[in-house]
Amino acid sequence: MTATPTPTNRVTLDALTAMPVGEIAGLPVDQLALLLDDLAEMKARLKRLDDWLNGALALRYGERAQALRRDQGKLTGIVRIEEADGFVAICDVPKRPEYDQEKLRAAVGTLRSWGSNPDDYVTTEIKVSETKYGAWPPEIRRLFEPARTVRLGKPSFRIERPTPR
């Protein structure tokens, strides 16, 4: 005798789109945990697919795009590669400059020594580590409190399964 599969009451990610948020919130916690697992798996799969497809596009267009940029005398930016039937591949290598903070401080100091206002050339942002702030003596903390605003980030949730005994 063959066992007949029993239908599952498991909610799928596809089914979520048709459910009101309140109904989803009322699902049993084990269902929520399974949905989070499914979502994490889907995100990982999409990331792999994105990497795979972009690797294929880089293989197809990378050298031609680099040659076009070189011909235009640039290392970064957008180039367009015309394909058959009016398709155009748009290939972008964005600029992501980084600056050495110590060297920037020295350059700003030099500007000041020349009598120039560094604000005309650079934007200065001072950052405070929250860990360090928490360890400061109270009088130092009070000095900085008027400049401090705490903004809340987006809440995130996880569900941990009970450990088997």
N, C-alpha and C. Protein backbone atom coordinates (compact mmCIF):
# COMPACT_ATOMS: atom_id res chain seq x y z
N MET A 1 0.84 -1.18 0.00
CA MET A 1 0.00 0.00 0.00
C MET A 1 0.89 1.25 0.00
N THR A 2 0.63 2.18 -0.90
CA THR A 2 1.41 3.40 -1.01
C THR A 2 0.76 4.50 -0.17
N ALA A 3 1.61 5.22 0.54
CA ALA A 3 1.09 6.32 1.36
C ALA A 3 0.68 7.47 0.46
N THR A 4 -0.47 7.99 0.71
CA THR A 4 -0.95 9.15 -0.04
C THR A 4 -0.42 10.41 0.63
N PRO A 5 0.23 11.28 -0.16
CA PRO A 5 0.74 12.49 0.46
C PRO A 5 -0.41 13.34 1.01
N THR A 6 -0.19 13.85 2.20
CA THR A 6 -1.22 14.70 2.80
C THR A 6 -0.96 16.14 2.40
N PRO A 7 -2.02 16.88 2.13
CA PRO A 7 -1.80 18.28 1.77
C PRO A 7 -1.19 19.05 2.94
N THR A 8 -0.34 19.95 2.61
CA THR A 8 0.31 20.74 3.66
C THR A 8 -0.41 22.06 3.83
N ASN A 9 -0.40 22.56 5.03
CA ASN A 9 -1.00 23.87 5.31
C ASN A 9 0.08 24.94 5.33
N ARG A 10 1.23 24.61 4.78
CA ARG A 10 2.35 25.52 4.80
C ARG A 10 2.08 26.69 3.86
N VAL A 11 2.25 27.88 4.37
CA VAL A 11 2.07 29.08 3.57
C VAL A 11 3.34 29.31 2.76
N THR A 12 3.18 29.63 1.48
CA THR A 12 4.32 29.88 0.61
C THR A 12 4.54 31.38 0.46
N LEU A 13 5.72 31.72 -0.01
CA LEU A 13 6.01 33.13 -0.27
C LEU A 13 5.06 33.70 -1.33
N ASP A 14 4.73 32.89 -2.33
CA ASP A 14 3.79 33.34 -3.36
C ASP A 14 2.43 33.66 -2.77
N ALA A 15 2.01 32.87 -1.79
CA ALA A 15 0.70 33.09 -1.17
C ALA A 15 0.68 34.37 -0.33
N LEU A 16 1.85 34.80 0.15
CA LEU A 16 1.90 36.00 1.00
C LEU A 16 1.37 37.23 0.30
N THR A 17 1.61 37.33 -1.00
CA THR A 17 1.22 38.54 -1.72
C THR A 17 -0.30 38.75 -1.74
N ALA A 18 -1.05 37.67 -1.54
CA ALA A 18 -2.50 37.78 -1.54
C ALA A 18 -3.06 37.88 -0.11
N MET A 19 -2.19 37.86 0.88
CA MET A 19 -2.65 37.88 2.27
C MET A 19 -2.49 39.27 2.87
N PRO A 20 -3.46 39.72 3.66
CA PRO A 20 -3.27 40.97 4.39
C PRO A 20 -2.15 40.82 5.42
N VAL A 21 -1.45 41.90 5.68
CA VAL A 21 -0.32 41.87 6.62
C VAL A 21 -0.78 41.37 7.99
N GLY A 22 -1.96 41.78 8.43
CA GLY A 22 -2.47 41.33 9.73
C GLY A 22 -2.65 39.82 9.80
N GLU A 23 -3.07 39.23 8.68
CA GLU A 23 -3.23 37.78 8.63
C GLU A 23 -1.87 37.08 8.69
N ILE A 24 -0.90 37.66 8.00
CA ILE A 24 0.46 37.10 8.04
C ILE A 24 1.00 37.17 9.47
N ALA A 25 0.77 38.30 10.13
CA ALA A 25 1.24 38.47 11.51
C ALA A 25 0.62 37.43 12.44
N GLY A 26 -0.57 36.96 12.11
CA GLY A 26 -1.24 35.97 12.95
C GLY A 26 -0.88 34.53 12.66
N LEU A 27 0.01 34.31 11.70
CA LEU A 27 0.42 32.93 11.39
C LEU A 27 1.18 32.33 12.57
N PRO A 28 1.14 31.02 12.70
CA PRO A 28 1.94 30.38 13.75
C PRO A 28 3.42 30.68 13.55
N VAL A 29 4.15 30.77 14.65
CA VAL A 29 5.55 31.16 14.60
C VAL A 29 6.38 30.20 13.74
N ASP A 30 6.05 28.91 13.74
CA ASP A 30 6.81 27.98 12.91
C ASP A 30 6.64 28.30 11.43
N GLN A 31 5.45 28.78 11.03
CA GLN A 31 5.22 29.18 9.65
C GLN A 31 6.04 30.42 9.31
N LEU A 32 6.07 31.37 10.23
CA LEU A 32 6.87 32.57 10.01
C LEU A 32 8.34 32.21 9.87
N ALA A 33 8.83 31.30 10.70
CA ALA A 33 10.23 30.87 10.62
C ALA A 33 10.51 30.22 9.27
N LEU A 34 9.59 29.38 8.79
CA LEU A 34 9.78 28.74 7.49
C LEU A 34 9.76 29.78 6.36
N LEU A 35 8.89 30.76 6.47
CA LEU A 35 8.84 31.82 5.45
C LEU A 35 10.14 32.61 5.43
N LEU A 36 10.69 32.93 6.60
CA LEU A 36 11.97 33.62 6.65
C LEU A 36 13.07 32.78 6.03
N ASP A 37 13.06 31.48 6.30
CA ASP A 37 14.04 30.58 5.67
C ASP A 37 13.90 30.60 4.15
N ASP A 38 12.64 30.51 3.69
CA ASP A 38 12.39 30.52 2.24
C ASP A 38 12.87 31.82 1.61
N LEU A 39 12.62 32.92 2.29
CA LEU A 39 13.02 34.24 1.78
C LEU A 39 14.55 34.35 1.70
N ALA A 40 15.23 33.87 2.74
CA ALA A 40 16.70 33.91 2.74
C ALA A 40 17.25 33.05 1.60
N GLU A 41 16.64 31.89 1.38
CA GLU A 41 17.08 31.02 0.30
C GLU A 41 16.83 31.68 -1.06
N MET A 42 15.67 32.35 -1.19
CA MET A 42 15.35 33.02 -2.45
C MET A 42 16.33 34.18 -2.70
N LYS A 43 16.64 34.94 -1.67
CA LYS A 43 17.59 36.05 -1.82
C LYS A 43 18.96 35.53 -2.24
N ALA A 44 19.40 34.44 -1.62
CA ALA A 44 20.70 33.86 -1.96
C ALA A 44 20.70 33.36 -3.41
N ARG A 45 19.59 32.75 -3.81
CA ARG A 45 19.48 32.25 -5.19
C ARG A 45 19.49 33.41 -6.17
N LEU A 46 18.75 34.47 -5.87
CA LEU A 46 18.73 35.64 -6.74
C LEU A 46 20.11 36.28 -6.82
N LYS A 47 20.82 36.32 -5.73
CA LYS A 47 22.18 36.88 -5.72
C LYS A 47 23.09 36.05 -6.63
N ARG A 48 22.99 34.71 -6.51
CA ARG A 48 23.80 33.84 -7.39
C ARG A 48 23.44 34.06 -8.86
N LEU A 49 22.14 34.16 -9.16
CA LEU A 49 21.70 34.38 -10.54
C LEU A 49 22.18 35.74 -11.05
N ASP A 50 22.10 36.75 -10.21
CA ASP A 50 22.57 38.08 -10.57
C ASP A 50 24.07 38.05 -10.89
N ASP A 51 24.84 37.40 -10.03
CA ASP A 51 26.29 37.28 -10.25
C ASP A 51 26.57 36.52 -11.55
N TRP A 52 25.84 35.45 -11.78
CA TRP A 52 26.05 34.60 -12.96
C TRP A 52 25.73 35.37 -14.24
N LEU A 53 24.57 36.04 -14.25
CA LEU A 53 24.17 36.79 -15.44
C LEU A 53 25.11 37.97 -15.69
N ASN A 54 25.48 38.69 -14.64
CA ASN A 54 26.40 39.81 -14.82
C ASN A 54 27.78 39.33 -15.25
N GLY A 55 28.18 38.14 -14.82
CA GLY A 55 29.43 37.56 -15.29
C GLY A 55 29.37 37.29 -16.79
N ALA A 56 28.22 36.79 -17.25
CA ALA A 56 28.04 36.54 -18.68
C ALA A 56 28.06 37.85 -19.47
N LEU A 57 27.42 38.90 -18.94
CA LEU A 57 27.40 40.20 -19.61
C LEU A 57 28.81 40.80 -19.65
N ALA A 58 29.56 40.62 -18.57
CA ALA A 58 30.94 41.11 -18.54
C ALA A 58 31.78 40.37 -19.58
N LEU A 59 31.55 39.08 -19.73
CA LEU A 59 32.27 38.29 -20.73
C LEU A 59 31.91 38.77 -22.14
N ARG A 60 30.63 39.04 -22.36
CA ARG A 60 30.18 39.45 -23.69
C ARG A 60 30.60 40.88 -24.05
N TYR A 61 30.49 41.80 -23.09
CA TYR A 61 30.69 43.22 -23.41
C TYR A 61 31.93 43.86 -22.78
N GLY A 62 32.52 43.21 -21.79
CA GLY A 62 33.58 43.85 -21.02
C GLY A 62 34.74 44.39 -21.83
N GLU A 63 35.30 43.58 -22.71
CA GLU A 63 36.46 44.02 -23.49
C GLU A 63 36.10 45.13 -24.46
N ARG A 64 34.93 44.99 -25.11
CA ARG A 64 34.52 46.04 -26.06
C ARG A 64 34.26 47.35 -25.32
N ALA A 65 33.63 47.27 -24.16
CA ALA A 65 33.35 48.48 -23.38
C ALA A 65 34.65 49.13 -22.92
N GLN A 66 35.58 48.33 -22.49
CA GLN A 66 36.88 48.86 -22.05
C GLN A 66 37.59 49.54 -23.22
N ALA A 67 37.53 48.93 -24.40
CA ALA A 67 38.17 49.52 -25.59
C ALA A 67 37.50 50.85 -25.95
N LEU A 68 36.17 50.91 -25.86
CA LEU A 68 35.47 52.16 -26.15
C LEU A 68 35.86 53.26 -25.16
N ARG A 69 35.95 52.90 -23.90
CA ARG A 69 36.37 53.88 -22.89
C ARG A 69 37.80 54.36 -23.18
N ARG A 70 38.67 53.42 -23.50
CA ARG A 70 40.07 53.77 -23.80
C ARG A 70 40.11 54.72 -25.00
N ASP A 71 39.31 54.44 -26.05
CA ASP A 71 39.26 55.30 -27.23
C ASP A 71 38.75 56.70 -26.88
N GLN A 72 37.91 56.78 -25.85
CA GLN A 72 37.36 58.07 -25.41
C GLN A 72 38.25 58.73 -24.35
N GLY A 73 39.36 58.06 -24.03
CA GLY A 73 40.31 58.62 -23.07
C GLY A 73 39.81 58.63 -21.63
N LYS A 74 39.01 57.63 -21.28
CA LYS A 74 38.51 57.57 -19.91
C LYS A 74 38.56 56.14 -19.38
N LEU A 75 38.64 56.03 -18.06
CA LEU A 75 38.66 54.72 -17.41
C LEU A 75 37.29 54.32 -16.89
N THR A 76 36.46 55.33 -16.60
CA THR A 76 35.16 55.07 -15.98
C THR A 76 34.07 55.72 -16.82
N GLY A 77 32.83 55.44 -16.44
CA GLY A 77 31.69 56.06 -17.10
C GLY A 77 30.93 55.09 -17.97
N ILE A 78 29.97 55.66 -18.68
CA ILE A 78 29.05 54.87 -19.50
C ILE A 78 29.51 54.86 -20.95
N VAL A 79 29.45 53.67 -21.55
CA VAL A 79 29.63 53.55 -23.00
C VAL A 79 28.46 52.72 -23.52
N ARG A 80 28.14 52.93 -24.78
CA ARG A 80 27.01 52.26 -25.39
C ARG A 80 27.50 51.36 -26.52
N ILE A 81 27.03 50.12 -26.52
CA ILE A 81 27.40 49.17 -27.56
C ILE A 81 26.13 48.80 -28.31
N GLU A 82 26.09 49.13 -29.60
CA GLU A 82 24.91 48.85 -30.41
C GLU A 82 24.90 47.38 -30.80
N GLU A 83 23.75 46.77 -30.65
CA GLU A 83 23.54 45.37 -30.99
C GLU A 83 22.54 45.27 -32.13
N ALA A 84 22.24 44.06 -32.53
CA ALA A 84 21.28 43.83 -33.60
C ALA A 84 19.87 44.25 -33.15
N ASP A 85 19.03 44.53 -34.11
CA ASP A 85 17.61 44.85 -33.89
C ASP A 85 17.38 46.05 -32.99
N GLY A 86 18.33 46.98 -32.98
CA GLY A 86 18.14 48.20 -32.22
C GLY A 86 18.47 48.12 -30.74
N PHE A 87 18.89 46.96 -30.26
CA PHE A 87 19.28 46.84 -28.85
C PHE A 87 20.59 47.59 -28.62
N VAL A 88 20.72 48.16 -27.44
CA VAL A 88 21.95 48.86 -27.06
C VAL A 88 22.35 48.37 -25.68
N ALA A 89 23.57 47.89 -25.56
CA ALA A 89 24.10 47.49 -24.25
C ALA A 89 24.75 48.72 -23.64
N ILE A 90 24.31 49.08 -22.46
CA ILE A 90 24.86 50.23 -21.75
C ILE A 90 25.77 49.69 -20.66
N CYS A 91 27.04 50.01 -20.80
CA CYS A 91 28.05 49.46 -19.90
C CYS A 91 28.63 50.59 -19.04
N ASP A 92 28.52 50.46 -17.76
CA ASP A 92 28.93 51.53 -16.85
C ASP A 92 29.98 51.00 -15.87
N VAL A 93 31.02 51.76 -15.72
CA VAL A 93 31.98 51.53 -14.65
C VAL A 93 31.96 52.81 -13.82
N PRO A 94 31.24 52.77 -12.68
CA PRO A 94 31.12 54.00 -11.88
C PRO A 94 32.42 54.34 -11.18
N LYS A 95 32.58 55.61 -10.91
CA LYS A 95 33.73 56.11 -10.16
C LYS A 95 33.41 55.97 -8.68
N ARG A 96 34.33 55.44 -7.91
CA ARG A 96 34.15 55.33 -6.47
C ARG A 96 35.43 55.83 -5.78
N PRO A 97 35.64 57.14 -5.81
CA PRO A 97 36.88 57.66 -5.22
C PRO A 97 36.92 57.48 -3.71
N GLU A 98 38.10 57.23 -3.20
CA GLU A 98 38.34 57.14 -1.76
C GLU A 98 39.52 58.04 -1.45
N TYR A 99 39.50 58.65 -0.28
CA TYR A 99 40.57 59.55 0.10
C TYR A 99 41.19 59.10 1.42
N ASP A 100 42.48 59.19 1.48
CA ASP A 100 43.21 58.89 2.71
C ASP A 100 42.95 60.03 3.69
N GLN A 101 42.37 59.72 4.83
CA GLN A 101 41.96 60.75 5.79
C GLN A 101 43.14 61.56 6.33
N GLU A 102 44.24 60.91 6.61
CA GLU A 102 45.42 61.63 7.12
C GLU A 102 45.94 62.62 6.08
N LYS A 103 46.00 62.19 4.82
CA LYS A 103 46.49 63.07 3.76
C LYS A 103 45.51 64.22 3.52
N LEU A 104 44.21 63.95 3.66
CA LEU A 104 43.22 65.03 3.54
C LEU A 104 43.41 66.06 4.65
N ARG A 105 43.63 65.59 5.89
CA ARG A 105 43.87 66.51 7.00
C ARG A 105 45.08 67.39 6.71
N ALA A 106 46.13 66.78 6.17
CA ALA A 106 47.35 67.54 5.85
C ALA A 106 47.06 68.57 4.76
N ALA A 107 46.28 68.18 3.74
CA ALA A 107 45.95 69.11 2.66
C ALA A 107 45.11 70.27 3.18
N VAL A 108 44.17 69.98 4.07
CA VAL A 108 43.34 71.04 4.67
C VAL A 108 44.22 71.97 5.50
N GLY A 109 45.17 71.41 6.24
CA GLY A 109 46.11 72.22 7.01
C GLY A 109 46.92 73.13 6.11
N THR A 110 47.35 72.61 4.97
CA THR A 110 48.11 73.42 4.02
C THR A 110 47.24 74.56 3.49
N LEU A 111 45.98 74.26 3.14
CA LEU A 111 45.08 75.33 2.68
C LEU A 111 44.97 76.44 3.72
N ARG A 112 44.82 76.04 4.98
CA ARG A 112 44.71 77.03 6.06
C ARG A 112 46.00 77.87 6.16
N SER A 113 47.14 77.17 6.05
CA SER A 113 48.42 77.90 6.16
C SER A 113 48.60 78.89 5.01
N TRP A 114 47.95 78.67 3.88
CA TRP A 114 48.00 79.58 2.75
C TRP A 114 47.01 80.74 2.91
N GLY A 115 46.18 80.64 3.99
CA GLY A 115 45.17 81.68 4.21
C GLY A 115 43.87 81.41 3.46
N SER A 116 43.75 80.23 2.87
CA SER A 116 42.52 79.87 2.15
C SER A 116 41.53 79.23 3.12
N ASN A 117 40.27 79.30 2.78
CA ASN A 117 39.23 78.67 3.57
C ASN A 117 38.98 77.27 3.02
N PRO A 118 39.29 76.22 3.78
CA PRO A 118 39.10 74.85 3.29
C PRO A 118 37.65 74.54 2.92
N ASP A 119 36.70 75.27 3.54
CA ASP A 119 35.28 75.03 3.23
C ASP A 119 34.96 75.36 1.78
N ASP A 120 35.81 76.14 1.12
CA ASP A 120 35.61 76.45 -0.29
C ASP A 120 35.95 75.24 -1.17
N TYR A 121 36.65 74.26 -0.61
CA TYR A 121 37.13 73.13 -1.41
C TYR A 121 36.64 71.77 -0.92
N VAL A 122 36.46 71.63 0.36
CA VAL A 122 36.09 70.31 0.91
C VAL A 122 34.95 70.47 1.91
N THR A 123 34.23 69.38 2.10
CA THR A 123 33.21 69.29 3.14
C THR A 123 33.81 68.45 4.25
N THR A 124 33.76 68.96 5.44
CA THR A 124 34.32 68.23 6.56
C THR A 124 33.19 67.60 7.36
N GLU A 125 33.32 66.32 7.61
CA GLU A 125 32.34 65.62 8.42
C GLU A 125 33.07 64.94 9.56
N ILE A 126 32.65 65.25 10.77
CA ILE A 126 33.25 64.63 11.94
C ILE A 126 32.32 63.53 12.40
N LYS A 127 32.86 62.36 12.61
CA LYS A 127 32.04 61.22 13.04
C LYS A 127 32.44 60.81 14.44
N VAL A 128 31.47 60.31 15.17
CA VAL A 128 31.70 59.82 16.52
C VAL A 128 31.27 58.37 16.59
N SER A 129 32.17 57.52 17.01
CA SER A 129 31.83 56.11 17.20
C SER A 129 30.88 55.99 18.39
N GLU A 130 29.77 55.30 18.19
CA GLU A 130 28.80 55.14 19.27
C GLU A 130 29.40 54.36 20.44
N THR A 131 30.27 53.42 20.14
CA THR A 131 30.95 52.66 21.19
C THR A 131 31.82 53.58 22.04
N LYS A 132 32.58 54.43 21.36
CA LYS A 132 33.44 55.37 22.09
C LYS A 132 32.59 56.37 22.88
N TYR A 133 31.51 56.86 22.28
CA TYR A 133 30.62 57.81 22.94
C TYR A 133 30.11 57.21 24.26
N GLY A 134 29.72 55.95 24.22
CA GLY A 134 29.21 55.29 25.41
C GLY A 134 30.27 55.14 26.50
N ALA A 135 31.54 55.15 26.14
CA ALA A 135 32.62 54.97 27.11
C ALA A 135 33.19 56.30 27.62
N TRP A 136 32.75 57.42 27.03
CA TRP A 136 33.27 58.72 27.44
C TRP A 136 32.86 59.06 28.87
N PRO A 137 33.66 59.86 29.57
CA PRO A 137 33.24 60.37 30.89
C PRO A 137 32.01 61.28 30.71
N PRO A 138 31.15 61.35 31.71
CA PRO A 138 29.91 62.13 31.58
C PRO A 138 30.10 63.58 31.14
N GLU A 139 31.15 64.26 31.62
CA GLU A 139 31.32 65.67 31.24
C GLU A 139 31.64 65.83 29.76
N ILE A 140 32.37 64.88 29.19
CA ILE A 140 32.68 64.93 27.76
C ILE A 140 31.39 64.62 26.97
N ARG A 141 30.64 63.64 27.44
CA ARG A 141 29.40 63.27 26.76
C ARG A 141 28.44 64.47 26.75
N ARG A 142 28.32 65.18 27.88
CA ARG A 142 27.43 66.35 27.97
C ARG A 142 27.85 67.43 26.97
N LEU A 143 29.14 67.57 26.73
CA LEU A 143 29.64 68.55 25.79
C LEU A 143 29.13 68.26 24.37
N PHE A 144 29.05 66.98 24.01
CA PHE A 144 28.67 66.59 22.66
C PHE A 144 27.17 66.34 22.49
N GLU A 145 26.42 66.19 23.58
CA GLU A 145 24.99 65.87 23.49
C GLU A 145 24.19 66.85 22.64
N PRO A 146 24.43 68.16 22.72
CA PRO A 146 23.63 69.06 21.88
C PRO A 146 23.81 68.83 20.38
N ALA A 147 24.91 68.23 19.98
CA ALA A 147 25.17 67.97 18.56
C ALA A 147 24.66 66.59 18.13
N ARG A 148 24.16 65.81 19.06
CA ARG A 148 23.81 64.41 18.80
C ARG A 148 22.31 64.24 18.60
N THR A 149 21.95 63.55 17.54
CA THR A 149 20.57 63.16 17.28
C THR A 149 20.59 61.67 17.01
N VAL A 150 19.68 60.95 17.63
CA VAL A 150 19.60 59.51 17.39
C VAL A 150 18.42 59.25 16.48
N ARG A 151 18.71 58.72 15.31
CA ARG A 151 17.65 58.32 14.37
C ARG A 151 17.52 56.81 14.45
N LEU A 152 16.31 56.34 14.28
CA LEU A 152 16.06 54.91 14.37
C LEU A 152 16.18 54.27 12.99
N GLY A 153 16.80 53.11 12.96
CA GLY A 153 16.91 52.36 11.72
C GLY A 153 15.66 51.53 11.50
N LYS A 154 15.64 50.84 10.37
CA LYS A 154 14.51 49.98 10.04
C LYS A 154 14.56 48.75 10.93
N PRO A 155 13.46 48.42 11.59
CA PRO A 155 13.46 47.22 12.43
C PRO A 155 13.68 45.96 11.59
N SER A 156 14.36 45.01 12.16
CA SER A 156 14.52 43.72 11.49
C SER A 156 14.17 42.65 12.50
N PHE A 157 13.80 41.50 12.00
CA PHE A 157 13.34 40.43 12.87
C PHE A 157 13.94 39.11 12.43
N ARG A 158 14.19 38.26 13.38
CA ARG A 158 14.63 36.89 13.13
C ARG A 158 13.82 35.99 14.05
N ILE A 159 13.76 34.76 13.70
CA ILE A 159 13.11 33.79 14.59
C ILE A 159 14.11 32.67 14.81
N GLU A 160 14.44 32.44 16.06
CA GLU A 160 15.34 31.33 16.39
C GLU A 160 14.50 30.12 16.79
N ARG A 161 14.91 29.02 16.27
CA ARG A 161 14.20 27.78 16.61
C ARG A 161 14.68 27.30 17.97
N PRO A 162 13.79 26.65 18.71
CA PRO A 162 14.24 26.10 20.01
C PRO A 162 15.28 25.02 19.78
N THR A 163 16.25 24.95 20.66
CA THR A 163 17.28 23.92 20.54
C THR A 163 16.71 22.61 21.07
N PRO A 164 16.93 21.53 20.33
CA PRO A 164 16.42 20.24 20.80
C PRO A 164 17.11 19.83 22.11
N ARG A 165 16.35 19.21 22.97
CA ARG A 165 16.91 18.78 24.26
C ARG A 165 17.29 17.33 24.23
